[in-house]
Amino acid sequence: MNQSVALNMAVGGAATAALPQPFTLKLVIGLVGVLLASLCSGLNDRVTDIALVDVRGVLSISSDQGSWLIGAYQATAVGATMVAPWMAMTFSIRRFAMSMTAGFILLAAIIPFAPNLTMLIILRSIQGIFGGALPPLLMTVALRFLPPHYKLYGLSAYALTATFGPNIATSMAALWTDYAGWKWVFWQVIPPCVIGFMMMGYGIPQDPMRFERFRQMDRIGTLTGCSGMALLVLVMQQGERLDWFNSPLITLMFLASLALLTLFAVNEWYHPFPLFKLQMLRRHNFSHGLLTLFGLMLLFLSGSALPSGYLAQVEGFRAVQFGPLALTIGLPQLILAPLVAAVLNIRWVDSRWVLACGLGLLAFTCYWGSQLTTAWSRDNFYLIQTMQAFGQPMAVMPILMGATSVVLPPEGPFASAMFNTTRALGSIAGGALLTEFLHHRQQIHSNVLLNHAGNSSYLLSQPYEGGSTFLAPLNKDGSAISAEILGQFSQLVRKQSLVLGISDSYLAIIVLALSLTVLAFLLPKRTFPP
């Protein structure tokens, strides 16, 4: 059996399955249906995370218990992401996409009625399987059905899962918790997914089912890869709360995930029909795409997590108050992503320069954000967010273009599985790294501020006759006033150390952006439009 035949068998690529489909309005409708379901998958995760405080309050769930509610969904979603393209090629994209969407809708409908926390976590875990399978199908459909000159526009739809969805999640969470009711945090996905389900059924071409692929199924890779990745996600999601490797549970899960993923990598390299085709990493454009995409997931947090963190913790804003700020990035993506795709379709445009300009714009916004002070308000962020809106698609689209340019049509499912796993893992790892870095820098600045203040007990015990808003004159009952002033002083130090920590986070992200810019000209070769 030669290599080409083996490759076709691995992806189910019989001649009839590989024939290009005519580009029609019907196909576009089907693609939009997959896009709706994919966006809902990401929103279901992000909105629940943002609205978790309100959900916990209603259900009387502690902070520790609520963290497992998020971790369970993310762990199973990443595992499902790894196998979804293989399953789609086996059962057909149309059948598999519609089945996953239907299951996703059903779980969303019943989750608010879970009788107890254990059942709630179980249902969320199962929903993570259905939800995690949806985003890879969007890239699979774009690579499988779209003609070459429309392929970049299909990839721009996929880019929306990284630029549009996460940036509208805050406003959606505020809408449900403040106006519609907490159950809509879970029900929000039902109307768009029902529409997407019908659009898929109408527009996605029907391929034959290929049950013979189960004879060559990579069972060891599926078991070790999915379980190892799920454990790694739980390590990153729970690590900061449980104090990382000081926790026996975190240590055990990390060692288990390391062993499973090592076995997975060895198995994938030698398996004739692998889940991940690791040999594709030898292609510079593809490996560069995965590496840069992973970094971008952390880089994009400068436009979402850092501003919202400042406004929530320093200014005391609720999601409904800083939600419009995130929309400044999210809503323009519906126009900017296809516009960047149109620019990249111009043959004389070098996608590496577009990537460098996008990363440079993001780095500039981070430099601006590093000037943050306690005097900033929501209005100070709008221009920064506007530049982020332009920079994010300029960074994502060249990566997708360059990486997919070296992917052969039968390798589309491999590329989709590897790209989506990297994107999902990068988002979770980026959040964990940023949280840990911010916490570390905040502690350092807090210690420095207290050291500069000297002996705060001595200072606060002295009568003060000034106009400070934080120190007041002592009355006869000096102890009571001192306790109040000490509380005000502690609050001031906490806020100032947080602001300085966020500023340091912006500076660290600048270093990442500049490193990715240099890498853009060292590793990949120039890519031309399809």
Protein backbone atom coordinates (compact mmCIF):
# COMPACT_ATOMS: atom_id res chain seq x y z
CA MET A 1 0.00 0.00 0.00
CA ASN A 2 1.64 3.27 -1.06
CA GLN A 3 1.63 6.46 0.98
CA SER A 4 -1.11 8.25 -0.97
CA VAL A 5 -3.50 5.33 -0.65
CA ALA A 6 -2.80 5.08 3.07
CA LEU A 7 -3.41 8.80 3.47
CA ASN A 8 -6.73 8.58 1.66
CA MET A 9 -7.82 5.66 3.83
CA ALA A 10 -6.81 7.54 6.95
CA VAL A 11 -9.06 10.48 6.21
CA GLY A 12 -11.76 8.61 4.41
CA GLY A 13 -10.74 10.27 1.19
CA ALA A 14 -12.36 8.17 -1.50
CA ALA A 15 -12.72 9.89 -4.81
CA THR A 16 -16.35 10.72 -4.29
CA ALA A 17 -15.63 12.35 -0.92
CA ALA A 18 -12.79 14.48 -2.29
CA LEU A 19 -14.66 15.96 -5.25
CA PRO A 20 -15.10 19.74 -4.90
CA GLN A 21 -18.62 21.02 -4.42
CA PRO A 22 -20.01 23.88 -6.52
CA PHE A 23 -19.95 27.17 -4.63
CA THR A 24 -23.59 28.16 -4.25
CA LEU A 25 -25.78 30.17 -1.90
CA LYS A 26 -26.94 26.86 -0.44
CA LEU A 27 -23.37 26.02 0.58
CA VAL A 28 -22.92 29.48 2.12
CA ILE A 29 -26.07 28.95 4.20
CA GLY A 30 -24.69 25.65 5.46
CA LEU A 31 -21.37 27.30 6.35
CA VAL A 32 -23.16 30.06 8.27
CA GLY A 33 -25.07 27.37 10.17
CA VAL A 34 -21.81 25.75 11.29
CA LEU A 35 -20.47 29.20 12.20
CA LEU A 36 -23.48 29.91 14.44
CA ALA A 37 -23.08 26.61 16.27
CA SER A 38 -19.31 27.13 16.67
CA LEU A 39 -19.74 30.64 18.08
CA CYS A 40 -22.37 29.37 20.51
CA SER A 41 -19.94 26.74 21.75
CA GLY A 42 -17.39 29.41 22.68
CA LEU A 43 -20.03 31.71 24.15
CA ASN A 44 -21.41 28.92 26.31
CA ASP A 45 -18.02 28.59 27.97
CA ARG A 46 -17.10 32.28 28.27
CA VAL A 47 -20.51 33.59 29.33
CA THR A 48 -20.85 30.92 32.02
CA ASP A 49 -17.40 31.81 33.31
CA ILE A 50 -18.20 35.54 33.48
CA ALA A 51 -21.65 35.01 35.01
CA LEU A 52 -20.46 32.35 37.45
CA VAL A 53 -20.75 34.62 40.50
CA ASP A 54 -24.44 35.22 39.83
CA VAL A 55 -25.09 31.55 39.03
CA ARG A 56 -23.35 30.46 42.23
CA GLY A 57 -25.43 32.90 44.25
CA VAL A 58 -28.69 31.55 42.89
CA LEU A 59 -27.71 27.88 43.28
CA SER A 60 -25.88 28.35 46.61
CA ILE A 61 -22.62 27.01 45.19
CA SER A 62 -19.28 27.91 46.76
CA SER A 63 -16.41 29.39 44.80
CA ASP A 64 -14.46 26.11 44.87
CA GLN A 65 -17.45 24.11 43.64
CA GLY A 66 -18.15 26.64 40.91
CA SER A 67 -14.60 26.36 39.57
CA TRP A 68 -15.19 22.67 38.85
CA LEU A 69 -18.30 23.61 36.92
CA ILE A 70 -16.11 25.58 34.50
CA GLY A 71 -13.23 23.10 34.52
CA ALA A 72 -15.43 20.11 33.71
CA TYR A 73 -16.79 21.79 30.57
CA GLN A 74 -13.38 22.96 29.34
CA ALA A 75 -11.70 19.59 29.93
CA THR A 76 -14.22 17.54 27.98
CA ALA A 77 -14.48 20.21 25.27
CA VAL A 78 -10.76 20.07 24.51
CA GLY A 79 -10.86 16.29 24.42
CA ALA A 80 -13.77 16.35 21.97
CA THR A 81 -11.95 18.89 19.81
CA MET A 82 -9.20 16.36 19.16
CA VAL A 83 -11.45 13.65 17.73
CA ALA A 84 -14.22 15.71 16.11
CA PRO A 85 -12.67 15.92 12.59
CA TRP A 86 -12.05 12.17 12.51
CA MET A 87 -15.64 11.49 13.57
CA ALA A 88 -16.93 13.96 10.97
CA MET A 89 -15.07 12.14 8.21
CA THR A 90 -16.48 8.83 9.44
CA PHE A 91 -20.15 9.74 9.91
CA SER A 92 -20.09 12.61 7.33
CA ILE A 93 -19.72 16.27 8.21
CA ARG A 94 -23.43 16.98 7.81
CA ARG A 95 -24.67 14.16 10.05
CA PHE A 96 -22.01 14.69 12.71
CA ALA A 97 -22.45 18.48 12.85
CA MET A 98 -26.21 18.19 13.16
CA SER A 99 -25.95 15.47 15.82
CA MET A 100 -23.50 17.50 17.93
CA THR A 101 -25.66 20.60 17.61
CA ALA A 102 -28.79 18.72 18.63
CA GLY A 103 -27.06 17.25 21.68
CA PHE A 104 -25.68 20.66 22.58
CA ILE A 105 -29.18 22.19 22.44
CA LEU A 106 -30.72 19.40 24.52
CA LEU A 107 -28.12 19.72 27.29
CA ALA A 108 -28.50 23.51 27.35
CA ALA A 109 -32.24 23.12 27.86
CA ILE A 110 -32.04 20.77 30.86
CA ILE A 111 -28.91 21.99 32.70
CA PRO A 112 -30.73 24.72 34.73
CA PHE A 113 -33.02 22.03 36.14
CA ALA A 114 -30.20 19.85 37.51
CA PRO A 115 -31.29 18.64 40.97
CA ASN A 116 -27.88 18.97 42.64
CA LEU A 117 -24.30 20.10 42.06
CA THR A 118 -23.02 16.65 41.11
CA MET A 119 -25.60 16.27 38.36
CA LEU A 120 -24.93 19.84 37.22
CA ILE A 121 -21.22 19.11 36.76
CA ILE A 122 -21.97 15.83 34.97
CA LEU A 123 -24.36 17.53 32.55
CA ARG A 124 -21.85 20.31 31.89
CA SER A 125 -19.17 17.71 31.21
CA ILE A 126 -21.38 15.98 28.66
CA GLN A 127 -22.29 19.29 27.09
CA GLY A 128 -18.57 20.02 26.78
CA ILE A 129 -18.24 16.97 24.53
CA PHE A 130 -20.94 18.26 22.19
CA GLY A 131 -19.73 21.86 22.35
CA GLY A 132 -16.05 21.05 21.87
CA ALA A 133 -16.81 19.10 18.70
CA LEU A 134 -18.36 22.11 16.93
CA PRO A 135 -15.49 24.62 16.30
CA PRO A 136 -13.25 22.11 14.45
CA LEU A 137 -16.10 21.43 12.03
CA LEU A 138 -16.06 25.07 10.89
CA MET A 139 -12.46 24.82 9.67
CA THR A 140 -13.13 21.35 8.25
CA VAL A 141 -16.07 22.66 6.21
CA ALA A 142 -14.06 25.65 4.95
CA LEU A 143 -11.15 23.46 3.82
CA ARG A 144 -13.38 20.70 2.48
CA PHE A 145 -16.04 22.51 0.48
CA LEU A 146 -14.91 26.03 -0.43
CA PRO A 147 -13.16 26.70 -3.77
CA PRO A 148 -9.59 28.05 -3.49
CA HIS A 149 -10.42 31.72 -4.18
CA TYR A 150 -13.11 31.69 -1.45
CA LYS A 151 -11.14 29.68 1.09
CA LEU A 152 -9.75 32.72 2.92
CA TYR A 153 -13.25 34.05 3.45
CA GLY A 154 -14.20 30.72 5.00
CA LEU A 155 -11.15 30.95 7.26
CA SER A 156 -12.19 34.48 8.22
CA ALA A 157 -15.42 32.95 9.51
CA TYR A 158 -13.32 30.56 11.60
CA ALA A 159 -11.25 33.51 12.87
CA LEU A 160 -14.42 34.94 14.41
CA THR A 161 -14.32 32.17 17.02
CA ALA A 162 -11.14 33.80 18.38
CA THR A 163 -11.95 37.48 17.82
CA PHE A 164 -15.72 37.95 17.79
CA GLY A 165 -17.10 35.40 20.26
CA PRO A 166 -14.85 36.11 23.27
CA ASN A 167 -15.40 39.88 22.94
CA ILE A 168 -19.19 39.80 23.02
CA ALA A 169 -19.37 37.35 25.92
CA THR A 170 -19.24 40.04 28.61
CA SER A 171 -22.23 41.92 27.21
CA MET A 172 -24.15 38.67 26.79
CA ALA A 173 -23.45 37.67 30.40
CA ALA A 174 -24.60 41.08 31.63
CA LEU A 175 -27.78 40.84 29.58
CA TRP A 176 -28.79 37.49 31.02
CA THR A 177 -27.84 38.06 34.66
CA ASP A 178 -29.14 41.64 34.95
CA TYR A 179 -32.26 41.50 32.80
CA ALA A 180 -33.38 38.10 31.49
CA GLY A 181 -32.60 35.74 34.37
CA TRP A 182 -29.75 33.38 35.25
CA LYS A 183 -31.19 30.40 33.35
CA TRP A 184 -30.54 32.23 30.09
CA VAL A 185 -26.83 31.90 30.79
CA PHE A 186 -27.36 28.30 29.66
CA TRP A 187 -30.37 28.80 27.39
CA GLN A 188 -28.79 31.56 25.29
CA VAL A 189 -27.36 29.06 22.81
CA ILE A 190 -30.69 27.43 21.99
CA PRO A 191 -32.21 29.94 19.50
CA PRO A 192 -29.07 30.45 17.35
CA CYS A 193 -28.22 26.73 17.46
CA VAL A 194 -31.72 25.79 16.31
CA ILE A 195 -31.28 28.17 13.37
CA GLY A 196 -27.81 26.79 12.71
CA PHE A 197 -29.14 23.22 12.84
CA MET A 198 -31.69 23.97 10.12
CA MET A 199 -29.13 25.81 8.00
CA MET A 200 -26.71 22.87 8.22
CA GLY A 201 -29.41 20.44 7.18
CA TYR A 202 -30.22 22.59 4.18
CA GLY A 203 -26.78 23.66 3.01
CA ILE A 204 -24.07 21.14 3.95
CA PRO A 205 -23.59 18.46 1.26
CA GLN A 206 -24.18 14.88 2.35
CA ASP A 207 -21.13 12.62 2.16
CA PRO A 208 -21.43 8.84 2.56
CA MET A 209 -20.75 7.31 5.95
CA ARG A 210 -17.50 5.35 6.21
CA PHE A 211 -17.78 2.83 9.00
CA GLU A 212 -14.82 0.91 7.59
CA ARG A 213 -12.62 3.62 9.11
CA PHE A 214 -13.25 2.12 12.54
CA ARG A 215 -11.00 -0.80 11.54
CA GLN A 216 -8.05 1.61 11.34
CA MET A 217 -9.12 3.78 14.28
CA ASP A 218 -6.31 5.09 16.46
CA ARG A 219 -7.77 3.79 19.72
CA ILE A 220 -4.62 4.24 21.81
CA GLY A 221 -4.15 7.78 20.53
CA THR A 222 -7.79 8.65 21.19
CA LEU A 223 -7.67 7.31 24.75
CA THR A 224 -4.29 8.76 25.75
CA GLY A 225 -4.65 12.05 23.89
CA CYS A 226 -8.14 12.98 25.07
CA SER A 227 -7.62 11.92 28.69
CA GLY A 228 -4.15 13.47 28.87
CA MET A 229 -5.33 16.77 27.42
CA ALA A 230 -8.37 16.85 29.72
CA LEU A 231 -6.16 16.35 32.78
CA LEU A 232 -3.79 19.08 31.58
CA VAL A 233 -6.70 21.48 31.20
CA LEU A 234 -7.84 20.72 34.76
CA VAL A 235 -4.30 21.34 36.02
CA MET A 236 -4.22 24.79 34.41
CA GLN A 237 -7.78 25.63 35.39
CA GLN A 238 -7.47 24.57 39.04
CA GLY A 239 -3.75 25.18 39.59
CA GLU A 240 -3.87 28.75 40.90
CA ARG A 241 -6.76 27.97 43.26
CA LEU A 242 -5.10 24.86 44.71
CA ASP A 243 -1.60 26.42 44.89
CA TRP A 244 -0.18 24.43 41.97
CA PHE A 245 2.32 21.72 42.90
CA ASN A 246 1.83 22.21 46.61
CA SER A 247 -1.41 20.34 45.99
CA PRO A 248 -1.15 16.53 45.73
CA LEU A 249 -4.16 16.51 43.37
CA ILE A 250 -2.56 18.98 40.95
CA THR A 251 0.74 17.10 41.08
CA LEU A 252 -0.94 13.76 40.40
CA MET A 253 -3.01 15.12 37.50
CA PHE A 254 0.02 16.81 35.95
CA LEU A 255 2.21 13.70 36.11
CA ALA A 256 -0.61 11.58 34.70
CA SER A 257 -1.23 14.03 31.84
CA LEU A 258 2.51 14.19 31.10
CA ALA A 259 2.74 10.41 30.87
CA LEU A 260 -0.41 10.10 28.75
CA LEU A 261 0.57 12.87 26.33
CA THR A 262 4.07 11.43 25.94
CA LEU A 263 2.57 8.07 25.03
CA PHE A 264 0.15 9.88 22.72
CA ALA A 265 2.96 11.67 20.86
CA VAL A 266 4.97 8.47 20.38
CA ASN A 267 1.89 6.57 19.21
CA GLU A 268 0.87 9.32 16.76
CA TRP A 269 4.31 9.42 15.18
CA TYR A 270 4.32 5.72 14.32
CA HIS A 271 0.62 4.94 13.88
CA PRO A 272 -0.33 4.45 10.19
CA PHE A 273 -3.69 6.22 10.66
CA PRO A 274 -3.10 8.71 13.50
CA LEU A 275 -5.42 11.21 15.11
CA PHE A 276 -2.74 13.92 14.77
CA LYS A 277 -0.31 13.75 11.87
CA LEU A 278 2.73 15.05 13.74
CA GLN A 279 4.91 14.80 10.62
CA MET A 280 3.11 17.93 9.40
CA LEU A 281 5.10 19.88 12.00
CA ARG A 282 8.12 19.55 9.72
CA ARG A 283 6.48 22.11 7.46
CA HIS A 284 7.65 25.48 8.72
CA ASN A 285 4.46 27.35 7.89
CA PHE A 286 2.30 24.84 9.72
CA SER A 287 4.44 24.65 12.86
CA HIS A 288 4.75 28.44 12.87
CA GLY A 289 0.96 28.71 12.64
CA LEU A 290 0.39 26.47 15.64
CA LEU A 291 3.05 28.18 17.74
CA THR A 292 1.88 31.69 16.91
CA LEU A 293 -1.79 30.82 17.38
CA PHE A 294 -0.99 29.54 20.86
CA GLY A 295 0.75 32.83 21.67
CA LEU A 296 -2.06 34.91 20.21
CA MET A 297 -4.55 33.42 22.64
CA LEU A 298 -2.53 35.00 25.46
CA LEU A 299 -1.94 38.18 23.48
CA PHE A 300 -5.67 38.70 22.92
CA LEU A 301 -6.27 38.76 26.68
CA SER A 302 -4.81 42.28 26.62
CA GLY A 303 -8.04 43.39 24.96
CA SER A 304 -10.46 41.50 27.19
CA ALA A 305 -9.20 40.21 30.54
CA LEU A 306 -6.97 43.16 31.51
CA PRO A 307 -9.43 46.03 30.87
CA SER A 308 -12.33 44.13 32.42
CA GLY A 309 -10.17 43.14 35.38
CA TYR A 310 -9.25 46.77 36.03
CA LEU A 311 -12.80 48.07 35.72
CA ALA A 312 -14.25 45.29 37.87
CA GLN A 313 -11.69 45.17 40.67
CA VAL A 314 -10.45 48.77 40.81
CA GLU A 315 -13.47 50.77 39.66
CA GLY A 316 -16.06 48.32 41.01
CA PHE A 317 -17.94 48.07 37.70
CA ARG A 318 -20.35 45.25 36.91
CA ALA A 319 -20.31 43.40 33.59
CA VAL A 320 -23.21 45.46 32.30
CA GLN A 321 -21.06 48.60 32.73
CA PHE A 322 -17.86 47.46 31.01
CA GLY A 323 -19.54 45.10 28.52
CA PRO A 324 -19.82 47.83 25.83
CA LEU A 325 -16.05 48.19 25.94
CA ALA A 326 -15.55 44.62 24.73
CA LEU A 327 -18.09 45.18 21.97
CA THR A 328 -15.71 47.78 20.56
CA ILE A 329 -13.51 44.85 19.55
CA GLY A 330 -16.16 42.20 18.93
CA LEU A 331 -18.72 43.80 16.64
CA PRO A 332 -16.29 45.26 14.03
CA GLN A 333 -14.92 41.75 13.44
CA LEU A 334 -17.96 40.94 11.31
CA ILE A 335 -16.59 43.45 8.77
CA LEU A 336 -12.87 43.51 9.50
CA ALA A 337 -12.23 39.75 9.27
CA PRO A 338 -13.57 39.44 5.68
CA LEU A 339 -11.84 42.72 4.82
CA VAL A 340 -8.45 41.36 5.93
CA ALA A 341 -9.19 38.19 3.94
CA ALA A 342 -9.80 40.36 0.85
CA VAL A 343 -6.47 42.13 1.37
CA LEU A 344 -4.63 38.82 1.75
CA ASN A 345 -6.21 37.63 -1.50
CA ILE A 346 -4.22 40.32 -3.34
CA ARG A 347 -1.21 38.52 -4.76
CA TRP A 348 1.41 41.21 -4.17
CA VAL A 349 0.48 41.50 -0.46
CA ASP A 350 2.92 39.58 1.74
CA SER A 351 0.92 38.00 4.57
CA ARG A 352 3.97 38.14 6.86
CA TRP A 353 3.90 41.93 6.75
CA VAL A 354 0.19 41.95 7.51
CA LEU A 355 0.91 39.70 10.50
CA ALA A 356 3.76 41.98 11.63
CA CYS A 357 1.53 45.05 11.35
CA GLY A 358 -1.20 43.35 13.35
CA LEU A 359 1.22 42.27 16.07
CA GLY A 360 2.80 45.74 16.10
CA LEU A 361 -0.60 47.35 16.54
CA LEU A 362 -1.40 45.00 19.43
CA ALA A 363 1.99 45.75 21.00
CA PHE A 364 1.31 49.49 20.75
CA THR A 365 -2.04 49.11 22.47
CA CYS A 366 -0.30 47.21 25.27
CA TYR A 367 2.29 49.97 25.63
CA TRP A 368 -0.54 52.47 25.91
CA GLY A 369 -2.29 50.26 28.43
CA SER A 370 0.89 50.02 30.51
CA GLN A 371 0.46 53.73 31.34
CA LEU A 372 -2.58 52.75 33.40
CA THR A 373 -3.25 54.65 36.65
CA THR A 374 -6.03 54.70 39.21
CA ALA A 375 -7.33 57.86 37.51
CA TRP A 376 -8.32 55.93 34.37
CA SER A 377 -11.98 55.36 33.60
CA ARG A 378 -13.83 53.31 30.99
CA ASP A 379 -13.46 56.10 28.40
CA ASN A 380 -9.66 55.83 28.50
CA PHE A 381 -9.85 52.33 27.02
CA TYR A 382 -12.02 52.97 23.97
CA LEU A 383 -9.24 54.05 21.59
CA ILE A 384 -7.08 51.14 22.77
CA GLN A 385 -9.92 48.73 22.10
CA THR A 386 -10.52 50.22 18.66
CA MET A 387 -6.91 49.55 17.69
CA GLN A 388 -7.24 46.04 19.10
CA ALA A 389 -10.24 45.54 16.81
CA PHE A 390 -8.01 46.14 13.79
CA GLY A 391 -4.97 44.31 15.13
CA GLN A 392 -6.61 41.02 16.06
CA PRO A 393 -7.86 39.94 12.58
CA MET A 394 -4.60 41.22 11.04
CA ALA A 395 -2.78 38.78 13.32
CA VAL A 396 -5.09 35.77 13.01
CA MET A 397 -5.82 35.70 9.28
CA PRO A 398 -2.18 35.52 8.02
CA ILE A 399 -1.55 32.63 10.41
CA LEU A 400 -4.52 30.67 9.07
CA MET A 401 -3.52 31.49 5.50
CA GLY A 402 0.10 30.46 5.94
CA ALA A 403 -0.60 27.25 7.85
CA THR A 404 -3.37 25.97 5.58
CA SER A 405 -1.34 26.75 2.45
CA VAL A 406 0.85 23.70 3.13
CA VAL A 407 -2.08 21.40 3.96
CA LEU A 408 -3.17 18.98 1.26
CA PRO A 409 -6.93 18.47 0.83
CA PRO A 410 -6.91 14.96 2.40
CA GLU A 411 -5.01 16.40 5.38
CA GLY A 412 -7.73 18.92 6.26
CA PRO A 413 -9.08 16.88 9.23
CA PHE A 414 -5.55 16.59 10.68
CA ALA A 415 -5.02 20.34 10.36
CA SER A 416 -8.42 21.11 11.87
CA ALA A 417 -7.85 18.84 14.88
CA MET A 418 -4.38 20.21 15.59
CA PHE A 419 -5.34 23.85 15.08
CA ASN A 420 -8.45 23.75 17.21
CA THR A 421 -6.76 21.84 20.01
CA THR A 422 -3.98 24.41 20.02
CA ARG A 423 -6.47 27.28 20.04
CA ALA A 424 -8.51 25.81 22.91
CA LEU A 425 -5.44 24.89 24.94
CA GLY A 426 -3.82 28.26 24.26
CA SER A 427 -6.87 30.12 25.52
CA ILE A 428 -6.94 28.16 28.79
CA ALA A 429 -3.16 28.23 29.27
CA GLY A 430 -3.06 31.96 28.48
CA GLY A 431 -5.68 32.69 31.11
CA ALA A 432 -3.82 30.61 33.70
CA LEU A 433 -0.45 32.19 32.92
CA LEU A 434 -1.83 35.72 32.99
CA THR A 435 -3.65 35.11 36.28
CA GLU A 436 -0.52 33.68 37.89
CA PHE A 437 1.70 36.47 36.55
CA LEU A 438 -0.72 39.18 37.68
CA HIS A 439 -1.07 37.63 41.14
CA HIS A 440 2.72 37.39 41.49
CA ARG A 441 3.35 40.99 40.39
CA GLN A 442 0.53 42.27 42.60
CA GLN A 443 2.12 40.65 45.64
CA ILE A 444 5.52 42.16 44.80
CA HIS A 445 4.09 45.65 44.38
CA SER A 446 2.07 45.31 47.57
CA ASN A 447 5.21 44.44 49.54
CA VAL A 448 7.13 47.32 47.96
CA LEU A 449 4.38 49.82 48.74
CA LEU A 450 4.18 48.68 52.35
CA ASN A 451 7.96 48.88 52.70
CA HIS A 452 7.94 52.42 51.35
CA ALA A 453 5.18 53.35 53.74
CA GLY A 454 7.41 52.27 56.61
CA ASN A 455 5.86 51.33 59.88
CA SER A 456 2.18 51.84 59.02
CA SER A 457 1.10 51.23 62.62
CA TYR A 458 3.28 54.12 63.80
CA LEU A 459 2.15 56.42 61.00
CA LEU A 460 -1.51 55.72 61.56
CA SER A 461 -1.24 56.31 65.28
CA GLN A 462 -0.18 59.95 64.72
CA PRO A 463 -2.80 62.71 64.45
CA TYR A 464 -2.91 64.03 60.91
CA GLU A 465 -3.98 67.51 60.01
CA GLY A 466 -4.06 67.48 56.23
CA GLY A 467 -6.47 67.26 53.37
CA SER A 468 -5.86 63.59 52.57
CA THR A 469 -8.90 61.53 51.70
CA PHE A 470 -7.35 58.46 53.27
CA LEU A 471 -6.14 59.82 56.65
CA ALA A 472 -8.50 61.66 58.99
CA PRO A 473 -7.85 63.49 62.29
CA LEU A 474 -7.94 61.31 65.38
CA ASN A 475 -10.76 61.72 67.87
CA LYS A 476 -10.55 60.85 71.51
CA ASP A 477 -11.37 57.26 70.58
CA GLY A 478 -8.16 56.95 68.62
CA SER A 479 -8.20 53.15 68.32
CA ALA A 480 -11.48 53.03 66.42
CA ILE A 481 -10.39 55.72 63.98
CA SER A 482 -7.04 54.00 63.47
CA ALA A 483 -8.75 50.72 62.57
CA GLU A 484 -10.90 52.54 60.04
CA ILE A 485 -7.93 54.33 58.57
CA LEU A 486 -5.94 51.11 58.47
CA GLY A 487 -8.74 49.53 56.44
CA GLN A 488 -8.72 52.47 54.03
CA PHE A 489 -4.95 52.28 53.75
CA SER A 490 -5.09 48.54 53.05
CA GLN A 491 -7.71 49.10 50.34
CA LEU A 492 -5.54 51.80 48.77
CA VAL A 493 -2.51 49.50 48.70
CA ARG A 494 -4.55 46.67 47.19
CA LYS A 495 -5.89 48.84 44.40
CA GLN A 496 -2.55 50.45 43.63
CA SER A 497 -0.72 47.11 43.58
CA LEU A 498 -3.37 45.70 41.25
CA VAL A 499 -3.01 48.63 38.87
CA LEU A 500 0.77 48.21 38.83
CA GLY A 501 0.35 44.46 38.28
CA ILE A 502 -1.94 45.05 35.30
CA SER A 503 0.59 47.55 33.91
CA ASP A 504 3.33 44.92 34.22
CA SER A 505 1.08 42.40 32.45
CA TYR A 506 0.73 44.78 29.52
CA LEU A 507 4.52 45.12 29.35
CA ALA A 508 4.99 41.34 29.43
CA ILE A 509 2.52 40.92 26.59
CA ILE A 510 4.51 43.49 24.57
CA VAL A 511 7.53 41.18 24.81
CA LEU A 512 5.41 38.28 23.55
CA ALA A 513 4.06 40.36 20.63
CA LEU A 514 7.54 41.46 19.57
CA SER A 515 8.84 37.87 19.83
CA LEU A 516 6.04 36.63 17.58
CA THR A 517 6.82 39.44 15.12
CA VAL A 518 10.46 38.35 14.85
CA LEU A 519 9.37 34.72 14.51
CA ALA A 520 7.06 35.67 11.62
CA PHE A 521 10.08 36.49 9.44
CA LEU A 522 12.39 33.71 10.65
CA LEU A 523 10.29 30.55 10.39
CA PRO A 524 7.56 30.65 7.69
CA LYS A 525 7.98 31.04 3.97
CA ARG A 526 5.99 33.59 2.03
CA THR A 527 2.45 32.44 1.27
CA PHE A 528 0.49 33.37 -1.82
CA PRO A 529 -3.32 33.42 -2.08
CA PRO A 530 -4.94 30.07 -2.93
